[in-house]
Amino acid sequence: MEQPSNGTPPVRIESPDGVTTEPLEAIGYQYRGQRDIEVFIEQPEHTSVCPMTGLPDFGTLQIRYVPDRKIVELKSLKYYLLQYRNVGIFYEHLVNRILDDLVSVLSPKRMEVSGVFTARGGIQTRVTAVHGESR
């Protein structure tokens, strides 16, 4: 599909403002005070769109965290991430936004969110944002 001459993408791009933490459900972590664990979640089919062109962006999201009082219910995380399907957002902003949202719901001791995005124009991009103490 050709881009209109006025520079407007030919598809409707949704705003990141429409993404909420509402789908996220926190579950109590029953082993708090006994031991720390590290949770690693990988979502290999993430999609959003380029805010400049409206073309789809594909990547793998990786979430690694040490819970304090709460862990994330995985189905709720899936529904939260699905909200980005038609959202126009740069990789760097996406990773930071997901981190901020998860931290606000879970209050983990430490969390790291990474995105490994498929190559476009021969350039593959990996973005990582971290909350809390370094390893």
Protein backbone atom coordinates (compact mmCIF):
# COMPACT_ATOMS: atom_id res chain seq x y z
CA MET A 1 0.00 0.00 0.00
CA GLU A 2 1.45 3.37 -0.95
CA GLN A 3 1.85 6.05 1.64
CA PRO A 4 -0.28 9.13 0.97
CA SER A 5 1.65 12.15 -0.29
CA ASN A 6 0.97 14.10 2.91
CA GLY A 7 3.18 11.68 4.91
CA THR A 8 0.29 10.16 6.86
CA PRO A 9 0.57 6.37 7.26
CA PRO A 10 -2.09 4.46 5.27
CA VAL A 11 -3.27 2.58 8.37
CA ARG A 12 -4.86 3.70 11.62
CA ILE A 13 -2.27 3.80 14.40
CA GLU A 14 -3.55 3.62 17.96
CA SER A 15 -2.06 5.78 20.71
CA PRO A 16 -0.09 4.28 23.60
CA ASP A 17 -2.45 6.26 25.85
CA GLY A 18 -5.07 3.55 25.27
CA VAL A 19 -2.92 0.89 26.96
CA THR A 20 -3.87 0.37 30.62
CA THR A 21 -2.72 -1.83 33.50
CA GLU A 22 -6.33 -2.92 34.04
CA PRO A 23 -5.84 -6.43 32.57
CA LEU A 24 -2.86 -7.14 34.88
CA GLU A 25 -3.64 -9.30 37.89
CA ALA A 26 -1.20 -9.64 40.78
CA ILE A 27 -1.09 -12.80 42.89
CA GLY A 28 0.43 -12.99 46.36
CA TYR A 29 3.90 -14.54 46.49
CA GLN A 30 3.66 -17.12 49.27
CA TYR A 31 7.40 -17.59 49.82
CA ARG A 32 8.22 -13.98 50.67
CA GLY A 33 10.79 -13.89 53.44
CA GLN A 34 11.83 -17.52 52.86
CA ARG A 35 13.77 -17.08 49.63
CA ASP A 36 14.11 -14.92 46.58
CA ILE A 37 13.30 -16.39 43.20
CA GLU A 38 13.89 -15.09 39.73
CA VAL A 39 10.98 -15.30 37.32
CA PHE A 40 11.74 -15.30 33.60
CA ILE A 41 8.92 -14.83 31.08
CA GLU A 42 9.38 -14.80 27.32
CA GLN A 43 6.75 -13.68 24.85
CA PRO A 44 8.10 -14.59 21.38
CA GLU A 45 5.23 -13.15 19.34
CA HIS A 46 5.04 -9.50 20.34
CA THR A 47 3.62 -7.08 17.79
CA SER A 48 3.13 -3.35 17.72
CA VAL A 49 3.47 -0.85 14.87
CA CYS A 50 6.01 1.74 13.85
CA PRO A 51 4.63 5.15 14.82
CA MET A 52 6.21 6.71 11.73
CA THR A 53 4.99 4.32 9.03
CA GLY A 54 2.30 2.14 10.58
CA LEU A 55 4.22 -0.95 9.46
CA PRO A 56 4.18 -3.89 11.88
CA ASP A 57 7.03 -4.45 14.32
CA PHE A 58 7.72 -7.97 15.55
CA GLY A 59 9.86 -9.10 18.42
CA THR A 60 10.43 -11.20 21.49
CA LEU A 61 9.77 -9.65 24.90
CA GLN A 62 11.67 -10.95 27.89
CA ILE A 63 10.66 -10.12 31.45
CA ARG A 64 12.92 -11.10 34.33
CA TYR A 65 12.06 -10.17 37.90
CA VAL A 66 12.58 -10.91 41.58
CA PRO A 67 9.19 -10.61 43.30
CA ASP A 68 8.64 -9.05 46.69
CA ARG A 69 4.99 -9.54 47.69
CA LYS A 70 3.35 -10.19 44.30
CA ILE A 71 3.78 -12.18 41.09
CA VAL A 72 1.97 -11.63 37.80
CA GLU A 73 -0.80 -13.96 36.64
CA LEU A 74 0.35 -15.03 33.15
CA LYS A 75 -2.99 -14.91 31.31
CA SER A 76 -3.48 -11.35 32.53
CA LEU A 77 0.01 -10.47 31.26
CA LYS A 78 -0.91 -11.92 27.87
CA TYR A 79 -4.01 -9.73 27.67
CA TYR A 80 -2.05 -6.69 28.79
CA LEU A 81 0.57 -7.23 26.05
CA LEU A 82 -2.13 -7.80 23.40
CA GLN A 83 -3.19 -4.17 23.88
CA TYR A 84 -0.06 -3.11 21.96
CA ARG A 85 -1.11 -4.94 18.76
CA ASN A 86 -2.05 -1.76 16.83
CA VAL A 87 -0.23 0.79 18.97
CA GLY A 88 2.34 3.04 17.34
CA ILE A 89 5.33 3.06 19.70
CA PHE A 90 9.11 3.12 19.35
CA TYR A 91 10.97 0.08 20.74
CA GLU A 92 12.71 2.15 23.40
CA HIS A 93 9.43 3.59 24.63
CA LEU A 94 7.66 0.22 24.54
CA VAL A 95 10.19 -1.49 26.79
CA ASN A 96 10.19 1.38 29.30
CA ARG A 97 6.39 1.58 29.32
CA ILE A 98 6.00 -2.15 29.98
CA LEU A 99 8.57 -1.94 32.78
CA ASP A 100 6.83 1.05 34.38
CA ASP A 101 3.42 -0.62 34.19
CA LEU A 102 4.60 -3.93 35.65
CA VAL A 103 6.53 -2.21 38.44
CA SER A 104 3.46 -0.14 39.35
CA VAL A 105 1.33 -3.30 39.69
CA LEU A 106 3.87 -5.74 41.21
CA SER A 107 6.40 -3.59 43.13
CA PRO A 108 9.17 -6.16 42.56
CA LYS A 109 12.58 -6.06 44.21
CA ARG A 110 14.12 -6.01 40.75
CA MET A 111 12.78 -6.18 37.21
CA GLU A 112 14.27 -6.14 33.74
CA VAL A 113 12.31 -5.93 30.50
CA SER A 114 14.04 -6.57 27.19
CA GLY A 115 12.81 -6.50 23.64
CA VAL A 116 14.62 -8.24 20.81
CA PHE A 117 13.09 -6.92 17.61
CA THR A 118 13.38 -8.49 14.17
CA ALA A 119 15.72 -6.97 11.67
CA ARG A 120 14.40 -4.18 9.52
CA GLY A 121 16.69 -2.77 6.84
CA GLY A 122 19.44 -5.08 8.10
CA ILE A 123 19.37 -3.66 11.64
CA GLN A 124 18.27 -5.79 14.57
CA THR A 125 17.50 -3.95 17.80
CA ARG A 126 17.67 -5.08 21.45
CA VAL A 127 16.42 -2.72 24.15
CA THR A 128 16.63 -3.35 27.91
CA ALA A 129 15.21 -1.31 30.79
CA VAL A 130 15.92 -2.11 34.45
CA HIS A 131 14.22 -1.30 37.77
CA GLY A 132 15.93 -1.90 41.10
CA GLU A 133 19.36 -3.14 42.04
CA SER A 134 21.74 -4.50 39.44
CA ARG A 135 22.60 -8.16 39.54
